[in-house]
């Protein structure tokens, strides 16, 4: 099973704005639908501590939140994403983080030290339950260690000028495909990571 990094990025290469938050990017209905595709194919999700804290504070309640037709965050797509995400095994890469017992994802989450991440990724791949998906993380260490098979980059139609760059070094990538979406200015670029 492949390790797939799925991220949104600005046209000038930033995955977070200057405030350290990704909400400066065009997270529209096409972005939501593609994330649902990825999580449907996932056997587990690999996250950094910051992403885990942000996602576990948001996604668990979406599935059963009260109806609000004016709130796109509560769309059927996002409700399904929430249900799948809640049940899926999650792995947090951290040398010190402990998942609080009150965290809604406590029982479906394990923490692995950075030094052990390669072994854990191999375990997740050999389980054969589905892709190992990485959402919303910079993943430079995973790339440097040769642990990423594919990058799926949703390119947001704008520049940020500054923020956190997705890459800080050179990587050899091969384009595997691209996709445009109806009613969206986002473009998906899928790359294989060359050995």
C-alpha atoms as a PDB file:
ATOM      1  CA  UNK A   1       0.000   0.000   0.000  1.00  0.00           C
ATOM      2  CA  UNK A   2       1.418   3.395  -0.924  1.00  0.00           C
ATOM      3  CA  UNK A   3       2.148   6.314   1.377  1.00  0.00           C
ATOM      4  CA  UNK A   4       0.313   9.292  -0.105  1.00  0.00           C
ATOM      5  CA  UNK A   5       0.798  12.861   1.061  1.00  0.00           C
ATOM      6  CA  UNK A   6      -2.327  14.882   0.253  1.00  0.00           C
ATOM      7  CA  UNK A   7      -1.950  18.597   0.773  1.00  0.00           C
ATOM      8  CA  UNK A   8      -3.263  21.928  -0.425  1.00  0.00           C
ATOM      9  CA  UNK A   9      -0.640  24.444  -1.485  1.00  0.00           C
ATOM     10  CA  UNK A  10      -0.621  27.983  -2.844  1.00  0.00           C
ATOM     11  CA  UNK A  11       0.550  28.670  -6.362  1.00  0.00           C
ATOM     12  CA  UNK A  12       3.826  29.964  -4.904  1.00  0.00           C
ATOM     13  CA  UNK A  13       4.410  26.840  -2.827  1.00  0.00           C
ATOM     14  CA  UNK A  14       3.144  27.579   0.694  1.00  0.00           C
ATOM     15  CA  UNK A  15       0.964  25.118   2.588  1.00  0.00           C
ATOM     16  CA  UNK A  16       0.276  27.551   5.430  1.00  0.00           C
ATOM     17  CA  UNK A  17      -0.152  31.305   5.445  1.00  0.00           C
ATOM     18  CA  UNK A  18       2.047  33.669   7.434  1.00  0.00           C
ATOM     19  CA  UNK A  19      -0.109  33.093  10.520  1.00  0.00           C
ATOM     20  CA  UNK A  20       0.700  29.361  10.418  1.00  0.00           C
ATOM     21  CA  UNK A  21      -2.837  28.466   9.374  1.00  0.00           C
ATOM     22  CA  UNK A  22      -3.904  26.758   6.117  1.00  0.00           C
ATOM     23  CA  UNK A  23      -7.250  28.572   5.919  1.00  0.00           C
ATOM     24  CA  UNK A  24      -5.674  31.186   3.637  1.00  0.00           C
ATOM     25  CA  UNK A  25      -5.964  28.581   0.863  1.00  0.00           C
ATOM     26  CA  UNK A  26      -8.987  27.765  -1.311  1.00  0.00           C
ATOM     27  CA  UNK A  27     -10.593  24.922   0.632  1.00  0.00           C
ATOM     28  CA  UNK A  28     -13.706  24.657  -1.489  1.00  0.00           C
ATOM     29  CA  UNK A  29     -16.136  21.831  -2.275  1.00  0.00           C
ATOM     30  CA  UNK A  30     -13.660  20.274  -4.752  1.00  0.00           C
ATOM     31  CA  UNK A  31     -11.025  20.181  -2.013  1.00  0.00           C
ATOM     32  CA  UNK A  32     -13.521  18.502   0.334  1.00  0.00           C
ATOM     33  CA  UNK A  33     -14.549  15.947  -2.290  1.00  0.00           C
ATOM     34  CA  UNK A  34     -10.963  14.992  -3.052  1.00  0.00           C
ATOM     35  CA  UNK A  35     -10.140  14.577   0.645  1.00  0.00           C
ATOM     36  CA  UNK A  36     -13.112  12.228   0.866  1.00  0.00           C
ATOM     37  CA  UNK A  37     -11.732  10.199  -2.055  1.00  0.00           C
ATOM     38  CA  UNK A  38      -8.397   9.887  -0.280  1.00  0.00           C
ATOM     39  CA  UNK A  39      -9.850   8.889   3.072  1.00  0.00           C
ATOM     40  CA  UNK A  40     -12.157   6.304   1.475  1.00  0.00           C
ATOM     41  CA  UNK A  41      -9.017   4.609   0.099  1.00  0.00           C
ATOM     42  CA  UNK A  42      -7.083   4.889   3.371  1.00  0.00           C
ATOM     43  CA  UNK A  43      -6.215   2.118   5.786  1.00  0.00           C
ATOM     44  CA  UNK A  44      -4.621   4.575   8.206  1.00  0.00           C
ATOM     45  CA  UNK A  45      -3.749   8.244   8.509  1.00  0.00           C
ATOM     46  CA  UNK A  46      -0.307   9.509   9.493  1.00  0.00           C
ATOM     47  CA  UNK A  47      -0.157  12.977  11.064  1.00  0.00           C
ATOM     48  CA  UNK A  48       2.182  15.368  12.786  1.00  0.00           C
ATOM     49  CA  UNK A  49       1.231  16.527  16.281  1.00  0.00           C
ATOM     50  CA  UNK A  50      -0.023  19.970  15.194  1.00  0.00           C
ATOM     51  CA  UNK A  51      -2.190  18.554  12.414  1.00  0.00           C
ATOM     52  CA  UNK A  52      -3.549  15.888  14.746  1.00  0.00           C
ATOM     53  CA  UNK A  53      -4.527  18.446  17.375  1.00  0.00           C
ATOM     54  CA  UNK A  54      -6.188  20.669  14.784  1.00  0.00           C
ATOM     55  CA  UNK A  55      -8.049  17.830  13.030  1.00  0.00           C
ATOM     56  CA  UNK A  56      -9.122  16.030  16.215  1.00  0.00           C
ATOM     57  CA  UNK A  57     -10.554  19.304  17.463  1.00  0.00           C
ATOM     58  CA  UNK A  58     -12.610  19.737  14.297  1.00  0.00           C
ATOM     59  CA  UNK A  59     -13.563  16.514  12.499  1.00  0.00           C
ATOM     60  CA  UNK A  60     -15.102  14.329  15.240  1.00  0.00           C
ATOM     61  CA  UNK A  61     -18.195  16.505  15.695  1.00  0.00           C
ATOM     62  CA  UNK A  62     -18.961  17.136  12.034  1.00  0.00           C
ATOM     63  CA  UNK A  63     -20.701  13.791  11.418  1.00  0.00           C
ATOM     64  CA  UNK A  64     -23.545  14.381  13.866  1.00  0.00           C
ATOM     65  CA  UNK A  65     -23.656  18.161  14.137  1.00  0.00           C
ATOM     66  CA  UNK A  66     -27.142  19.716  13.928  1.00  0.00           C
ATOM     67  CA  UNK A  67     -28.367  20.403  10.408  1.00  0.00           C
ATOM     68  CA  UNK A  68     -27.390  23.772   8.975  1.00  0.00           C
ATOM     69  CA  UNK A  69     -27.948  24.030   5.197  1.00  0.00           C
ATOM     70  CA  UNK A  70     -25.999  27.299   5.055  1.00  0.00           C
ATOM     71  CA  UNK A  71     -22.849  25.768   6.546  1.00  0.00           C
ATOM     72  CA  UNK A  72     -20.765  24.055   3.829  1.00  0.00           C
ATOM     73  CA  UNK A  73     -18.610  22.488   6.556  1.00  0.00           C
ATOM     74  CA  UNK A  74     -21.623  20.283   7.371  1.00  0.00           C
ATOM     75  CA  UNK A  75     -22.145  19.056   3.814  1.00  0.00           C
ATOM     76  CA  UNK A  76     -22.849  15.356   3.189  1.00  0.00           C
ATOM     77  CA  UNK A  77     -19.254  15.083   1.878  1.00  0.00           C
ATOM     78  CA  UNK A  78     -17.783  16.408   5.109  1.00  0.00           C
ATOM     79  CA  UNK A  79     -20.135  14.356   7.277  1.00  0.00           C
ATOM     80  CA  UNK A  80     -18.969  11.185   5.527  1.00  0.00           C
ATOM     81  CA  UNK A  81     -15.354  12.339   5.871  1.00  0.00           C
ATOM     82  CA  UNK A  82     -15.932  12.765   9.603  1.00  0.00           C
ATOM     83  CA  UNK A  83     -17.463   9.307  10.036  1.00  0.00           C
ATOM     84  CA  UNK A  84     -14.615   7.568   8.210  1.00  0.00           C
ATOM     85  CA  UNK A  85     -11.934   9.675   9.902  1.00  0.00           C
ATOM     86  CA  UNK A  86     -13.375   8.957  13.358  1.00  0.00           C
ATOM     87  CA  UNK A  87     -13.097   5.201  12.847  1.00  0.00           C
ATOM     88  CA  UNK A  88      -9.785   5.007  10.975  1.00  0.00           C
ATOM     89  CA  UNK A  89      -6.522   4.211  12.780  1.00  0.00           C
ATOM     90  CA  UNK A  90      -4.416   7.342  13.167  1.00  0.00           C
ATOM     91  CA  UNK A  91      -0.666   7.501  13.846  1.00  0.00           C
ATOM     92  CA  UNK A  92       0.894  10.665  15.269  1.00  0.00           C
ATOM     93  CA  UNK A  93       4.619  11.166  14.714  1.00  0.00           C
ATOM     94  CA  UNK A  94       6.062  12.793  17.830  1.00  0.00           C
ATOM     95  CA  UNK A  95       8.826  12.223  20.357  1.00  0.00           C
ATOM     96  CA  UNK A  96       6.836  13.593  23.273  1.00  0.00           C
ATOM     97  CA  UNK A  97       3.106  13.864  22.525  1.00  0.00           C
ATOM     98  CA  UNK A  98       0.583  11.902  24.554  1.00  0.00           C
ATOM     99  CA  UNK A  99      -2.998  11.786  23.273  1.00  0.00           C
ATOM    100  CA  UNK A 100      -5.215  13.169  26.060  1.00  0.00           C
ATOM    101  CA  UNK A 101      -7.799  10.685  27.289  1.00  0.00           C
ATOM    102  CA  UNK A 102     -10.562  13.221  26.591  1.00  0.00           C
ATOM    103  CA  UNK A 103      -9.545  13.522  22.935  1.00  0.00           C
ATOM    104  CA  UNK A 104     -12.353  11.997  20.823  1.00  0.00           C
ATOM    105  CA  UNK A 105      -9.754  10.114  18.763  1.00  0.00           C
ATOM    106  CA  UNK A 106      -7.897   8.752  21.792  1.00  0.00           C
ATOM    107  CA  UNK A 107      -8.935   5.132  21.198  1.00  0.00           C
ATOM    108  CA  UNK A 108      -8.100   5.133  17.479  1.00  0.00           C
ATOM    109  CA  UNK A 109      -4.734   6.888  17.750  1.00  0.00           C
ATOM    110  CA  UNK A 110      -1.224   5.738  18.512  1.00  0.00           C
ATOM    111  CA  UNK A 111       1.945   7.823  18.810  1.00  0.00           C
ATOM    112  CA  UNK A 112       5.274   6.812  17.292  1.00  0.00           C
ATOM    113  CA  UNK A 113       8.674   8.407  17.879  1.00  0.00           C
ATOM    114  CA  UNK A 114      10.414   9.939  14.882  1.00  0.00           C
ATOM    115  CA  UNK A 115      13.195   7.360  15.047  1.00  0.00           C
ATOM    116  CA  UNK A 116      10.602   4.572  14.691  1.00  0.00           C
ATOM    117  CA  UNK A 117       8.483   6.098  11.940  1.00  0.00           C
ATOM    118  CA  UNK A 118      10.025   4.061   9.087  1.00  0.00           C
ATOM    119  CA  UNK A 119       9.233   0.777  10.854  1.00  0.00           C
ATOM    120  CA  UNK A 120       5.714   1.935  11.660  1.00  0.00           C
ATOM    121  CA  UNK A 121       5.049   3.032   8.075  1.00  0.00           C
ATOM    122  CA  UNK A 122       6.189  -0.399   6.882  1.00  0.00           C
ATOM    123  CA  UNK A 123       3.809  -2.042   9.377  1.00  0.00           C
ATOM    124  CA  UNK A 124       0.911   0.084   8.159  1.00  0.00           C
ATOM    125  CA  UNK A 125       1.723  -0.756   4.532  1.00  0.00           C
ATOM    126  CA  UNK A 126       1.926  -4.496   5.150  1.00  0.00           C
ATOM    127  CA  UNK A 127      -1.403  -4.511   7.016  1.00  0.00           C
ATOM    128  CA  UNK A 128      -2.902  -4.068   3.553  1.00  0.00           C
ATOM    129  CA  UNK A 129      -5.974  -2.232   4.834  1.00  0.00           C
ATOM    130  CA  UNK A 130      -5.546   0.638   2.364  1.00  0.00           C
ATOM    131  CA  UNK A 131      -3.310   3.579   1.589  1.00  0.00           C
ATOM    132  CA  UNK A 132      -1.316   5.282   4.317  1.00  0.00           C
ATOM    133  CA  UNK A 133      -2.497   8.874   3.910  1.00  0.00           C
ATOM    134  CA  UNK A 134      -0.797  11.974   5.264  1.00  0.00           C
ATOM    135  CA  UNK A 135      -3.039  15.048   5.459  1.00  0.00           C
ATOM    136  CA  UNK A 136      -1.953  18.615   6.098  1.00  0.00           C
ATOM    137  CA  UNK A 137       1.627  17.971   7.183  1.00  0.00           C
ATOM    138  CA  UNK A 138       4.878  19.243   5.750  1.00  0.00           C
ATOM    139  CA  UNK A 139       6.428  15.737   5.748  1.00  0.00           C
ATOM    140  CA  UNK A 140       9.969  16.796   4.854  1.00  0.00           C
ATOM    141  CA  UNK A 141      11.444  14.103   7.077  1.00  0.00           C
ATOM    142  CA  UNK A 142       9.263  11.442   5.424  1.00  0.00           C
ATOM    143  CA  UNK A 143      10.417  12.594   1.989  1.00  0.00           C
ATOM    144  CA  UNK A 144      14.058  12.695   3.080  1.00  0.00           C
ATOM    145  CA  UNK A 145      13.804   9.137   4.411  1.00  0.00           C
ATOM    146  CA  UNK A 146      12.256   7.858   1.189  1.00  0.00           C
ATOM    147  CA  UNK A 147       8.963   6.974   2.892  1.00  0.00           C
ATOM    148  CA  UNK A 148       6.608   8.831   0.525  1.00  0.00           C
ATOM    149  CA  UNK A 149       5.370   7.156  -2.644  1.00  0.00           C
ATOM    150  CA  UNK A 150       3.114   9.893  -4.012  1.00  0.00           C
ATOM    151  CA  UNK A 151       2.364  13.578  -3.486  1.00  0.00           C
ATOM    152  CA  UNK A 152      -1.168  14.736  -4.276  1.00  0.00           C
ATOM    153  CA  UNK A 153      -1.085  18.520  -4.319  1.00  0.00           C
ATOM    154  CA  UNK A 154      -4.263  20.561  -4.586  1.00  0.00           C
ATOM    155  CA  UNK A 155      -2.971  23.845  -5.993  1.00  0.00           C
ATOM    156  CA  UNK A 156      -4.946  26.815  -4.723  1.00  0.00           C
ATOM    157  CA  UNK A 157      -5.471  29.629  -7.254  1.00  0.00           C
ATOM    158  CA  UNK A 158      -3.516  32.353  -5.547  1.00  0.00           C
ATOM    159  CA  UNK A 159      -0.195  33.320  -4.061  1.00  0.00           C
ATOM    160  CA  UNK A 160       0.505  34.003  -0.392  1.00  0.00           C
ATOM    161  CA  UNK A 161       3.887  35.686  -0.722  1.00  0.00           C
ATOM    162  CA  UNK A 162       5.021  34.204   2.568  1.00  0.00           C
ATOM    163  CA  UNK A 163       4.165  31.443   4.981  1.00  0.00           C
ATOM    164  CA  UNK A 164       5.416  27.886   5.454  1.00  0.00           C
ATOM    165  CA  UNK A 165       6.829  26.414   2.233  1.00  0.00           C
ATOM    166  CA  UNK A 166       5.855  22.856   1.414  1.00  0.00           C
ATOM    167  CA  UNK A 167       9.425  22.073   0.321  1.00  0.00           C
ATOM    168  CA  UNK A 168      12.759  23.346   1.540  1.00  0.00           C
ATOM    169  CA  UNK A 169      15.002  21.133  -0.570  1.00  0.00           C
ATOM    170  CA  UNK A 170      15.224  19.420  -3.929  1.00  0.00           C
ATOM    171  CA  UNK A 171      13.042  16.388  -4.689  1.00  0.00           C
ATOM    172  CA  UNK A 172      12.797  14.381  -7.898  1.00  0.00           C
ATOM    173  CA  UNK A 173       9.140  13.956  -8.824  1.00  0.00           C
ATOM    174  CA  UNK A 174       7.337  12.441 -11.804  1.00  0.00           C
ATOM    175  CA  UNK A 175       3.920  13.745 -12.808  1.00  0.00           C
ATOM    176  CA  UNK A 176       1.361  10.921 -12.703  1.00  0.00           C
ATOM    177  CA  UNK A 177      -1.712  12.958 -13.450  1.00  0.00           C
ATOM    178  CA  UNK A 178      -3.626  16.183 -13.094  1.00  0.00           C
ATOM    179  CA  UNK A 179      -7.262  17.038 -12.663  1.00  0.00           C
ATOM    180  CA  UNK A 180      -9.509  20.074 -12.890  1.00  0.00           C
ATOM    181  CA  UNK A 181     -12.799  20.287 -11.034  1.00  0.00           C
ATOM    182  CA  UNK A 182     -16.174  21.738 -11.990  1.00  0.00           C
ATOM    183  CA  UNK A 183     -16.917  25.029 -10.237  1.00  0.00           C
ATOM    184  CA  UNK A 184     -13.408  25.277  -8.765  1.00  0.00           C
ATOM    185  CA  UNK A 185     -10.215  27.086  -9.641  1.00  0.00           C
ATOM    186  CA  UNK A 186      -8.169  24.486  -7.759  1.00  0.00           C
ATOM    187  CA  UNK A 187      -6.061  22.046  -9.785  1.00  0.00           C
ATOM    188  CA  UNK A 188      -4.888  18.661  -8.524  1.00  0.00           C
ATOM    189  CA  UNK A 189      -1.358  17.545  -9.413  1.00  0.00           C
ATOM    190  CA  UNK A 190      -0.336  13.987  -8.551  1.00  0.00           C
ATOM    191  CA  UNK A 191       3.355  13.102  -8.467  1.00  0.00           C
ATOM    192  CA  UNK A 192       5.292   9.903  -7.860  1.00  0.00           C
ATOM    193  CA  UNK A 193       8.436  10.319  -5.798  1.00  0.00           C
ATOM    194  CA  UNK A 194      11.397   8.918  -7.672  1.00  0.00           C
ATOM    195  CA  UNK A 195      13.789   6.724  -5.692  1.00  0.00           C
END
